[in-house]
């Protein structure tokens, strides 16, 4: 009987400790967030693939801290401005609807700045038509950025070697020249295949990526950047991509051709 009483008291003490801890943490949380204003934002009400024509049932609202909401997020007052507009990029359930994700949506502020997501940066890189898939890279496209550089050899002192490597993968294009990703911006061509017509491409990148691209820009005398166009819905990431130099060229050529035939072309007889 005594053991049962002790066990019962232990359970009661444990429950009391749990309740007191929960109450303390809840009070501390309320103190921490006291006075922090929340606002409603528009979010995806379900998983939305790219090219979805937005309807009322596709969208929902959620509360978000005002300090975490930038000018590029659609708010309930602007709901009618995005209805019946086409979605550029896919959204998962609960993700915010960005102005830059919606085709032809009216914006309150002109220019590029409202299109940049909070925490990201816009950086422009000088390119030529040959470096931009014959000039067919357009605003809202996704690209990989490759660099080819002439650098001091790491194996032969005093010699230079040419190396090609992938600098960044799956980067969003905000603008080509002065052509912005907003289809309603002045001067935007309605022909997506017009090609050429610009020598600067502006990317949306993180601050650290911006530093990397600016540094590479100042190495232009030692090499060049090339843009590799990808499907905008392809979010895959290739790990451990090798650097390609003359020494690796022969082996890479053989391995890549075998991979293409076996995996990409699905030729099982090789």
C-alpha atoms as a PDB file:
ATOM      1  CA  UNK A   1       0.000   0.000   0.000  1.00  0.00           C
ATOM      2  CA  UNK A   2       2.827   2.359   0.904  1.00  0.00           C
ATOM      3  CA  UNK A   3       4.518   1.715  -2.472  1.00  0.00           C
ATOM      4  CA  UNK A   4       1.282   2.558  -4.320  1.00  0.00           C
ATOM      5  CA  UNK A   5       0.968   5.839  -2.428  1.00  0.00           C
ATOM      6  CA  UNK A   6       4.584   6.740  -3.254  1.00  0.00           C
ATOM      7  CA  UNK A   7       4.015   5.865  -6.941  1.00  0.00           C
ATOM      8  CA  UNK A   8       0.822   7.944  -7.014  1.00  0.00           C
ATOM      9  CA  UNK A   9       2.581  10.918  -5.409  1.00  0.00           C
ATOM     10  CA  UNK A  10       5.428  10.624  -7.935  1.00  0.00           C
ATOM     11  CA  UNK A  11       2.960  10.718 -10.815  1.00  0.00           C
ATOM     12  CA  UNK A  12       1.135  13.722  -9.327  1.00  0.00           C
ATOM     13  CA  UNK A  13       4.422  15.572  -8.739  1.00  0.00           C
ATOM     14  CA  UNK A  14       5.461  14.824 -12.327  1.00  0.00           C
ATOM     15  CA  UNK A  15       2.172  16.131 -13.712  1.00  0.00           C
ATOM     16  CA  UNK A  16       2.418  19.240 -11.559  1.00  0.00           C
ATOM     17  CA  UNK A  17       5.977  19.854 -12.740  1.00  0.00           C
ATOM     18  CA  UNK A  18       4.896  19.417 -16.363  1.00  0.00           C
ATOM     19  CA  UNK A  19       1.982  21.851 -15.922  1.00  0.00           C
ATOM     20  CA  UNK A  20       4.139  24.447 -14.166  1.00  0.00           C
ATOM     21  CA  UNK A  21       6.860  24.166 -16.825  1.00  0.00           C
ATOM     22  CA  UNK A  22       4.314  24.497 -19.628  1.00  0.00           C
ATOM     23  CA  UNK A  23       2.738  27.524 -17.946  1.00  0.00           C
ATOM     24  CA  UNK A  24       6.139  29.148 -17.407  1.00  0.00           C
ATOM     25  CA  UNK A  25       7.218  28.618 -21.011  1.00  0.00           C
ATOM     26  CA  UNK A  26       3.889  29.899 -22.310  1.00  0.00           C
ATOM     27  CA  UNK A  27       4.198  33.047 -20.171  1.00  0.00           C
ATOM     28  CA  UNK A  28       7.757  33.602 -21.379  1.00  0.00           C
ATOM     29  CA  UNK A  29       6.637  33.172 -24.996  1.00  0.00           C
ATOM     30  CA  UNK A  30       3.873  35.722 -24.497  1.00  0.00           C
ATOM     31  CA  UNK A  31       6.392  38.170 -23.023  1.00  0.00           C
ATOM     32  CA  UNK A  32       8.795  37.546 -25.900  1.00  0.00           C
ATOM     33  CA  UNK A  33       6.196  38.240 -28.586  1.00  0.00           C
ATOM     34  CA  UNK A  34       4.292  40.934 -26.702  1.00  0.00           C
ATOM     35  CA  UNK A  35       3.786  43.947 -28.912  1.00  0.00           C
ATOM     36  CA  UNK A  36       4.909  42.125 -32.086  1.00  0.00           C
ATOM     37  CA  UNK A  37       2.344  42.946 -34.735  1.00  0.00           C
ATOM     38  CA  UNK A  38       1.019  40.296 -37.076  1.00  0.00           C
ATOM     39  CA  UNK A  39      -0.501  40.810 -40.512  1.00  0.00           C
ATOM     40  CA  UNK A  40      -2.413  38.530 -42.855  1.00  0.00           C
ATOM     41  CA  UNK A  41      -0.802  37.383 -46.100  1.00  0.00           C
ATOM     42  CA  UNK A  42      -2.039  35.364 -49.056  1.00  0.00           C
ATOM     43  CA  UNK A  43      -0.713  31.801 -49.240  1.00  0.00           C
ATOM     44  CA  UNK A  44      -1.320  28.749 -51.410  1.00  0.00           C
ATOM     45  CA  UNK A  45      -4.423  26.888 -50.247  1.00  0.00           C
ATOM     46  CA  UNK A  46      -3.108  23.698 -51.842  1.00  0.00           C
ATOM     47  CA  UNK A  47      -0.104  22.536 -53.854  1.00  0.00           C
ATOM     48  CA  UNK A  48      -0.144  24.684 -56.993  1.00  0.00           C
ATOM     49  CA  UNK A  49       1.882  23.704 -60.083  1.00  0.00           C
ATOM     50  CA  UNK A  50       3.352  26.362 -62.335  1.00  0.00           C
ATOM     51  CA  UNK A  51       0.979  27.776 -64.986  1.00  0.00           C
ATOM     52  CA  UNK A  52      -2.000  27.451 -62.615  1.00  0.00           C
ATOM     53  CA  UNK A  53      -4.602  30.151 -63.275  1.00  0.00           C
ATOM     54  CA  UNK A  54      -5.284  31.366 -59.754  1.00  0.00           C
ATOM     55  CA  UNK A  55      -8.842  31.086 -58.447  1.00  0.00           C
ATOM     56  CA  UNK A  56     -10.286  32.022 -55.076  1.00  0.00           C
ATOM     57  CA  UNK A  57     -10.325  28.385 -53.893  1.00  0.00           C
ATOM     58  CA  UNK A  58      -6.601  28.043 -54.681  1.00  0.00           C
ATOM     59  CA  UNK A  59      -5.654  30.633 -52.068  1.00  0.00           C
ATOM     60  CA  UNK A  60      -5.856  31.072 -48.321  1.00  0.00           C
ATOM     61  CA  UNK A  61      -4.592  33.480 -45.659  1.00  0.00           C
ATOM     62  CA  UNK A  62      -2.321  33.109 -42.672  1.00  0.00           C
ATOM     63  CA  UNK A  63      -0.956  35.387 -39.974  1.00  0.00           C
ATOM     64  CA  UNK A  64       2.699  36.357 -40.195  1.00  0.00           C
ATOM     65  CA  UNK A  65       4.874  38.712 -38.158  1.00  0.00           C
ATOM     66  CA  UNK A  66       4.964  42.110 -39.839  1.00  0.00           C
ATOM     67  CA  UNK A  67       8.744  42.266 -39.594  1.00  0.00           C
ATOM     68  CA  UNK A  68       8.982  39.109 -41.721  1.00  0.00           C
ATOM     69  CA  UNK A  69       6.706  40.406 -44.492  1.00  0.00           C
ATOM     70  CA  UNK A  70       8.227  42.414 -47.320  1.00  0.00           C
ATOM     71  CA  UNK A  71       6.612  44.419 -50.090  1.00  0.00           C
ATOM     72  CA  UNK A  72       6.798  41.461 -52.477  1.00  0.00           C
ATOM     73  CA  UNK A  73       4.228  39.315 -50.622  1.00  0.00           C
ATOM     74  CA  UNK A  74       0.586  39.560 -51.733  1.00  0.00           C
ATOM     75  CA  UNK A  75      -1.786  40.720 -48.977  1.00  0.00           C
ATOM     76  CA  UNK A  76      -5.577  40.196 -48.709  1.00  0.00           C
ATOM     77  CA  UNK A  77      -6.330  43.746 -49.894  1.00  0.00           C
ATOM     78  CA  UNK A  78      -4.661  42.872 -53.205  1.00  0.00           C
ATOM     79  CA  UNK A  79      -6.362  39.505 -53.693  1.00  0.00           C
ATOM     80  CA  UNK A  80      -8.369  40.667 -56.717  1.00  0.00           C
ATOM     81  CA  UNK A  81      -5.148  41.714 -58.441  1.00  0.00           C
ATOM     82  CA  UNK A  82      -3.867  38.123 -58.616  1.00  0.00           C
ATOM     83  CA  UNK A  83      -7.113  36.246 -59.269  1.00  0.00           C
ATOM     84  CA  UNK A  84      -7.317  34.815 -62.812  1.00  0.00           C
ATOM     85  CA  UNK A  85      -3.598  35.446 -63.249  1.00  0.00           C
ATOM     86  CA  UNK A  86      -1.178  32.671 -64.171  1.00  0.00           C
ATOM     87  CA  UNK A  87       1.342  31.374 -61.636  1.00  0.00           C
ATOM     88  CA  UNK A  88       4.943  31.456 -62.869  1.00  0.00           C
ATOM     89  CA  UNK A  89       6.422  28.996 -60.374  1.00  0.00           C
ATOM     90  CA  UNK A  90       4.922  26.187 -58.361  1.00  0.00           C
ATOM     91  CA  UNK A  91       3.897  26.783 -54.746  1.00  0.00           C
ATOM     92  CA  UNK A  92       3.442  24.264 -51.969  1.00  0.00           C
ATOM     93  CA  UNK A  93       0.539  24.336 -49.537  1.00  0.00           C
ATOM     94  CA  UNK A  94       0.941  27.261 -47.131  1.00  0.00           C
ATOM     95  CA  UNK A  95       3.745  29.015 -49.031  1.00  0.00           C
ATOM     96  CA  UNK A  96       3.336  32.805 -49.481  1.00  0.00           C
ATOM     97  CA  UNK A  97       2.230  34.120 -52.879  1.00  0.00           C
ATOM     98  CA  UNK A  98       4.926  36.497 -54.160  1.00  0.00           C
ATOM     99  CA  UNK A  99       4.129  39.238 -56.660  1.00  0.00           C
ATOM    100  CA  UNK A 100       7.035  38.051 -58.807  1.00  0.00           C
ATOM    101  CA  UNK A 101       5.433  34.577 -58.942  1.00  0.00           C
ATOM    102  CA  UNK A 102       2.271  35.871 -60.670  1.00  0.00           C
ATOM    103  CA  UNK A 103       2.154  36.869 -64.319  1.00  0.00           C
ATOM    104  CA  UNK A 104       0.790  40.316 -65.212  1.00  0.00           C
ATOM    105  CA  UNK A 105      -0.157  41.160 -61.624  1.00  0.00           C
ATOM    106  CA  UNK A 106      -0.284  44.912 -61.049  1.00  0.00           C
ATOM    107  CA  UNK A 107       2.373  46.237 -58.712  1.00  0.00           C
ATOM    108  CA  UNK A 108       2.178  49.329 -56.558  1.00  0.00           C
ATOM    109  CA  UNK A 109       5.846  50.151 -56.945  1.00  0.00           C
ATOM    110  CA  UNK A 110       7.596  50.225 -60.307  1.00  0.00           C
ATOM    111  CA  UNK A 111      11.025  48.846 -60.993  1.00  0.00           C
ATOM    112  CA  UNK A 112      13.001  45.807 -59.936  1.00  0.00           C
ATOM    113  CA  UNK A 113      13.188  46.280 -56.162  1.00  0.00           C
ATOM    114  CA  UNK A 114       9.670  44.983 -55.289  1.00  0.00           C
ATOM    115  CA  UNK A 115      10.391  41.760 -57.170  1.00  0.00           C
ATOM    116  CA  UNK A 116      13.311  40.781 -54.922  1.00  0.00           C
ATOM    117  CA  UNK A 117      12.352  38.433 -52.120  1.00  0.00           C
ATOM    118  CA  UNK A 118      13.207  39.420 -48.575  1.00  0.00           C
ATOM    119  CA  UNK A 119      16.749  38.379 -47.689  1.00  0.00           C
ATOM    120  CA  UNK A 120      17.806  38.101 -51.329  1.00  0.00           C
ATOM    121  CA  UNK A 121      19.739  40.456 -53.604  1.00  0.00           C
ATOM    122  CA  UNK A 122      19.797  41.384 -57.298  1.00  0.00           C
ATOM    123  CA  UNK A 123      23.150  41.356 -59.068  1.00  0.00           C
ATOM    124  CA  UNK A 124      23.832  41.989 -62.766  1.00  0.00           C
ATOM    125  CA  UNK A 125      26.412  40.101 -64.796  1.00  0.00           C
ATOM    126  CA  UNK A 126      27.789  41.127 -68.178  1.00  0.00           C
ATOM    127  CA  UNK A 127      27.171  38.445 -70.823  1.00  0.00           C
ATOM    128  CA  UNK A 128      27.031  37.994 -74.588  1.00  0.00           C
ATOM    129  CA  UNK A 129      24.522  36.123 -76.736  1.00  0.00           C
ATOM    130  CA  UNK A 130      26.720  33.039 -76.964  1.00  0.00           C
ATOM    131  CA  UNK A 131      26.888  32.892 -73.172  1.00  0.00           C
ATOM    132  CA  UNK A 132      23.085  33.060 -72.770  1.00  0.00           C
ATOM    133  CA  UNK A 133      21.916  30.140 -74.934  1.00  0.00           C
ATOM    134  CA  UNK A 134      21.998  32.279 -78.100  1.00  0.00           C
ATOM    135  CA  UNK A 135      20.260  35.108 -76.263  1.00  0.00           C
ATOM    136  CA  UNK A 136      17.156  33.021 -75.501  1.00  0.00           C
ATOM    137  CA  UNK A 137      17.507  33.279 -71.725  1.00  0.00           C
ATOM    138  CA  UNK A 138      14.538  35.398 -70.606  1.00  0.00           C
ATOM    139  CA  UNK A 139      13.317  36.955 -67.338  1.00  0.00           C
ATOM    140  CA  UNK A 140      11.802  34.365 -64.947  1.00  0.00           C
ATOM    141  CA  UNK A 141      13.953  31.576 -66.427  1.00  0.00           C
ATOM    142  CA  UNK A 142      16.076  29.381 -64.167  1.00  0.00           C
ATOM    143  CA  UNK A 143      19.715  28.810 -65.094  1.00  0.00           C
ATOM    144  CA  UNK A 144      22.929  27.228 -63.890  1.00  0.00           C
ATOM    145  CA  UNK A 145      25.963  29.521 -63.967  1.00  0.00           C
ATOM    146  CA  UNK A 146      29.176  27.942 -65.224  1.00  0.00           C
ATOM    147  CA  UNK A 147      32.599  29.573 -65.213  1.00  0.00           C
ATOM    148  CA  UNK A 148      35.634  28.891 -67.373  1.00  0.00           C
ATOM    149  CA  UNK A 149      38.846  30.343 -65.960  1.00  0.00           C
ATOM    150  CA  UNK A 150      42.548  30.415 -66.729  1.00  0.00           C
ATOM    151  CA  UNK A 151      44.189  29.933 -63.342  1.00  0.00           C
ATOM    152  CA  UNK A 152      47.674  29.150 -62.011  1.00  0.00           C
ATOM    153  CA  UNK A 153      48.221  25.404 -62.155  1.00  0.00           C
ATOM    154  CA  UNK A 154      48.021  23.591 -58.828  1.00  0.00           C
ATOM    155  CA  UNK A 155      50.325  20.839 -60.101  1.00  0.00           C
ATOM    156  CA  UNK A 156      52.829  22.615 -62.376  1.00  0.00           C
ATOM    157  CA  UNK A 157      54.329  25.738 -60.756  1.00  0.00           C
ATOM    158  CA  UNK A 158      54.519  28.739 -63.068  1.00  0.00           C
ATOM    159  CA  UNK A 159      52.046  27.299 -65.593  1.00  0.00           C
ATOM    160  CA  UNK A 160      48.425  28.297 -66.267  1.00  0.00           C
ATOM    161  CA  UNK A 161      45.559  25.837 -66.702  1.00  0.00           C
ATOM    162  CA  UNK A 162      41.996  26.247 -68.006  1.00  0.00           C
ATOM    163  CA  UNK A 163      39.236  24.956 -65.747  1.00  0.00           C
ATOM    164  CA  UNK A 164      35.445  24.852 -66.193  1.00  0.00           C
ATOM    165  CA  UNK A 165      33.250  24.477 -63.107  1.00  0.00           C
ATOM    166  CA  UNK A 166      29.657  25.037 -62.009  1.00  0.00           C
ATOM    167  CA  UNK A 167      29.487  28.191 -59.897  1.00  0.00           C
ATOM    168  CA  UNK A 168      25.768  28.208 -58.946  1.00  0.00           C
ATOM    169  CA  UNK A 169      22.763  26.007 -59.733  1.00  0.00           C
ATOM    170  CA  UNK A 170      19.061  26.849 -60.177  1.00  0.00           C
ATOM    171  CA  UNK A 171      19.355  30.640 -60.171  1.00  0.00           C
ATOM    172  CA  UNK A 172      16.317  32.822 -60.996  1.00  0.00           C
ATOM    173  CA  UNK A 173      16.678  35.434 -63.738  1.00  0.00           C
ATOM    174  CA  UNK A 174      15.068  38.730 -62.727  1.00  0.00           C
ATOM    175  CA  UNK A 175      15.900  40.760 -65.822  1.00  0.00           C
ATOM    176  CA  UNK A 176      17.658  40.622 -69.184  1.00  0.00           C
ATOM    177  CA  UNK A 177      18.960  44.079 -69.940  1.00  0.00           C
ATOM    178  CA  UNK A 178      16.064  46.346 -68.960  1.00  0.00           C
ATOM    179  CA  UNK A 179      13.450  43.656 -69.649  1.00  0.00           C
ATOM    180  CA  UNK A 180      12.017  42.715 -66.243  1.00  0.00           C
ATOM    181  CA  UNK A 181      10.280  39.518 -65.213  1.00  0.00           C
ATOM    182  CA  UNK A 182       7.041  41.519 -64.996  1.00  0.00           C
ATOM    183  CA  UNK A 183       5.147  41.054 -68.275  1.00  0.00           C
ATOM    184  CA  UNK A 184       3.270  44.303 -67.647  1.00  0.00           C
ATOM    185  CA  UNK A 185       6.448  46.372 -67.458  1.00  0.00           C
ATOM    186  CA  UNK A 186       7.048  48.932 -70.195  1.00  0.00           C
ATOM    187  CA  UNK A 187       9.098  47.709 -73.103  1.00  0.00           C
ATOM    188  CA  UNK A 188       8.595  43.997 -72.520  1.00  0.00           C
ATOM    189  CA  UNK A 189       8.317  42.027 -75.709  1.00  0.00           C
ATOM    190  CA  UNK A 190       5.383  39.676 -76.166  1.00  0.00           C
ATOM    191  CA  UNK A 191       7.559  37.307 -78.189  1.00  0.00           C
ATOM    192  CA  UNK A 192       9.358  34.915 -75.803  1.00  0.00           C
ATOM    193  CA  UNK A 193      11.677  33.721 -78.576  1.00  0.00           C
ATOM    194  CA  UNK A 194      12.923  37.070 -79.829  1.00  0.00           C
ATOM    195  CA  UNK A 195      16.445  36.349 -78.447  1.00  0.00           C
ATOM    196  CA  UNK A 196      19.390  38.718 -78.059  1.00  0.00           C
ATOM    197  CA  UNK A 197      18.931  42.413 -77.420  1.00  0.00           C
ATOM    198  CA  UNK A 198      20.801  42.589 -74.096  1.00  0.00           C
ATOM    199  CA  UNK A 199      24.297  42.285 -72.689  1.00  0.00           C
ATOM    200  CA  UNK A 200      23.444  42.222 -68.965  1.00  0.00           C
ATOM    201  CA  UNK A 201      21.532  39.574 -67.016  1.00  0.00           C
ATOM    202  CA  UNK A 202      20.269  40.243 -63.478  1.00  0.00           C
ATOM    203  CA  UNK A 203      19.960  37.342 -61.042  1.00  0.00           C
ATOM    204  CA  UNK A 204      18.241  36.908 -57.682  1.00  0.00           C
ATOM    205  CA  UNK A 205      20.897  35.596 -55.296  1.00  0.00           C
ATOM    206  CA  UNK A 206      21.794  35.460 -51.626  1.00  0.00           C
ATOM    207  CA  UNK A 207      24.265  38.023 -50.238  1.00  0.00           C
ATOM    208  CA  UNK A 208      27.049  35.410 -50.200  1.00  0.00           C
ATOM    209  CA  UNK A 209      26.297  34.398 -53.785  1.00  0.00           C
ATOM    210  CA  UNK A 210      26.367  38.079 -54.751  1.00  0.00           C
ATOM    211  CA  UNK A 211      29.893  38.376 -53.344  1.00  0.00           C
ATOM    212  CA  UNK A 212      30.966  35.347 -55.358  1.00  0.00           C
ATOM    213  CA  UNK A 213      29.559  36.704 -58.645  1.00  0.00           C
ATOM    214  CA  UNK A 214      31.015  40.173 -58.094  1.00  0.00           C
ATOM    215  CA  UNK A 215      34.431  38.629 -57.476  1.00  0.00           C
ATOM    216  CA  UNK A 216      34.136  36.571 -60.663  1.00  0.00           C
ATOM    217  CA  UNK A 217      33.123  39.724 -62.569  1.00  0.00           C
ATOM    218  CA  UNK A 218      36.481  41.217 -61.643  1.00  0.00           C
ATOM    219  CA  UNK A 219      38.218  38.085 -62.990  1.00  0.00           C
ATOM    220  CA  UNK A 220      36.767  38.582 -66.481  1.00  0.00           C
ATOM    221  CA  UNK A 221      40.250  38.877 -67.935  1.00  0.00           C
ATOM    222  CA  UNK A 222      40.956  35.353 -66.708  1.00  0.00           C
ATOM    223  CA  UNK A 223      37.751  33.711 -67.901  1.00  0.00           C
ATOM    224  CA  UNK A 224      34.036  33.986 -68.636  1.00  0.00           C
ATOM    225  CA  UNK A 225      30.630  32.942 -67.363  1.00  0.00           C
ATOM    226  CA  UNK A 226      28.148  30.836 -69.324  1.00  0.00           C
ATOM    227  CA  UNK A 227      24.461  30.383 -68.541  1.00  0.00           C
ATOM    228  CA  UNK A 228      22.904  26.928 -68.892  1.00  0.00           C
ATOM    229  CA  UNK A 229      19.119  27.086 -69.269  1.00  0.00           C
ATOM    230  CA  UNK A 230      16.965  24.627 -67.305  1.00  0.00           C
ATOM    231  CA  UNK A 231      13.260  23.860 -66.981  1.00  0.00           C
ATOM    232  CA  UNK A 232      11.784  26.289 -64.446  1.00  0.00           C
ATOM    233  CA  UNK A 233      10.085  23.402 -62.594  1.00  0.00           C
ATOM    234  CA  UNK A 234      13.349  21.457 -62.310  1.00  0.00           C
ATOM    235  CA  UNK A 235      14.671  22.048 -58.799  1.00  0.00           C
ATOM    236  CA  UNK A 236      17.166  19.167 -58.849  1.00  0.00           C
ATOM    237  CA  UNK A 237      20.684  19.715 -57.526  1.00  0.00           C
ATOM    238  CA  UNK A 238      23.799  17.922 -58.743  1.00  0.00           C
ATOM    239  CA  UNK A 239      26.232  17.203 -55.926  1.00  0.00           C
ATOM    240  CA  UNK A 240      29.997  16.964 -56.287  1.00  0.00           C
ATOM    241  CA  UNK A 241      30.205  18.169 -59.890  1.00  0.00           C
ATOM    242  CA  UNK A 242      33.854  17.855 -60.943  1.00  0.00           C
ATOM    243  CA  UNK A 243      36.075  20.575 -62.324  1.00  0.00           C
ATOM    244  CA  UNK A 244      36.902  19.915 -65.974  1.00  0.00           C
ATOM    245  CA  UNK A 245      40.408  20.568 -67.261  1.00  0.00           C
ATOM    246  CA  UNK A 246      42.420  19.157 -70.146  1.00  0.00           C
ATOM    247  CA  UNK A 247      43.602  16.216 -68.044  1.00  0.00           C
ATOM    248  CA  UNK A 248      40.042  15.164 -67.183  1.00  0.00           C
ATOM    249  CA  UNK A 249      38.574  15.899 -70.612  1.00  0.00           C
ATOM    250  CA  UNK A 250      39.243  12.517 -72.212  1.00  0.00           C
ATOM    251  CA  UNK A 251      37.943  10.421 -69.309  1.00  0.00           C
ATOM    252  CA  UNK A 252      34.933  12.685 -68.794  1.00  0.00           C
ATOM    253  CA  UNK A 253      33.999  12.437 -72.459  1.00  0.00           C
ATOM    254  CA  UNK A 254      33.867   8.634 -72.306  1.00  0.00           C
ATOM    255  CA  UNK A 255      32.038   8.469 -68.957  1.00  0.00           C
ATOM    256  CA  UNK A 256      29.480  11.106 -69.922  1.00  0.00           C
ATOM    257  CA  UNK A 257      28.667   9.436 -73.224  1.00  0.00           C
ATOM    258  CA  UNK A 258      28.077   6.118 -71.474  1.00  0.00           C
ATOM    259  CA  UNK A 259      25.876   7.849 -68.892  1.00  0.00           C
ATOM    260  CA  UNK A 260      23.895   9.591 -71.658  1.00  0.00           C
ATOM    261  CA  UNK A 261      23.202   6.351 -73.525  1.00  0.00           C
ATOM    262  CA  UNK A 262      22.435   4.227 -70.456  1.00  0.00           C
ATOM    263  CA  UNK A 263      20.546   6.682 -68.240  1.00  0.00           C
ATOM    264  CA  UNK A 264      19.282   9.532 -70.385  1.00  0.00           C
ATOM    265  CA  UNK A 265      18.564   7.512 -73.552  1.00  0.00           C
ATOM    266  CA  UNK A 266      17.773   4.336 -71.577  1.00  0.00           C
ATOM    267  CA  UNK A 267      19.772   1.997 -73.795  1.00  0.00           C
ATOM    268  CA  UNK A 268      19.988  -1.127 -71.686  1.00  0.00           C
ATOM    269  CA  UNK A 269      22.157  -3.091 -74.099  1.00  0.00           C
ATOM    270  CA  UNK A 270      25.301  -1.061 -73.276  1.00  0.00           C
END
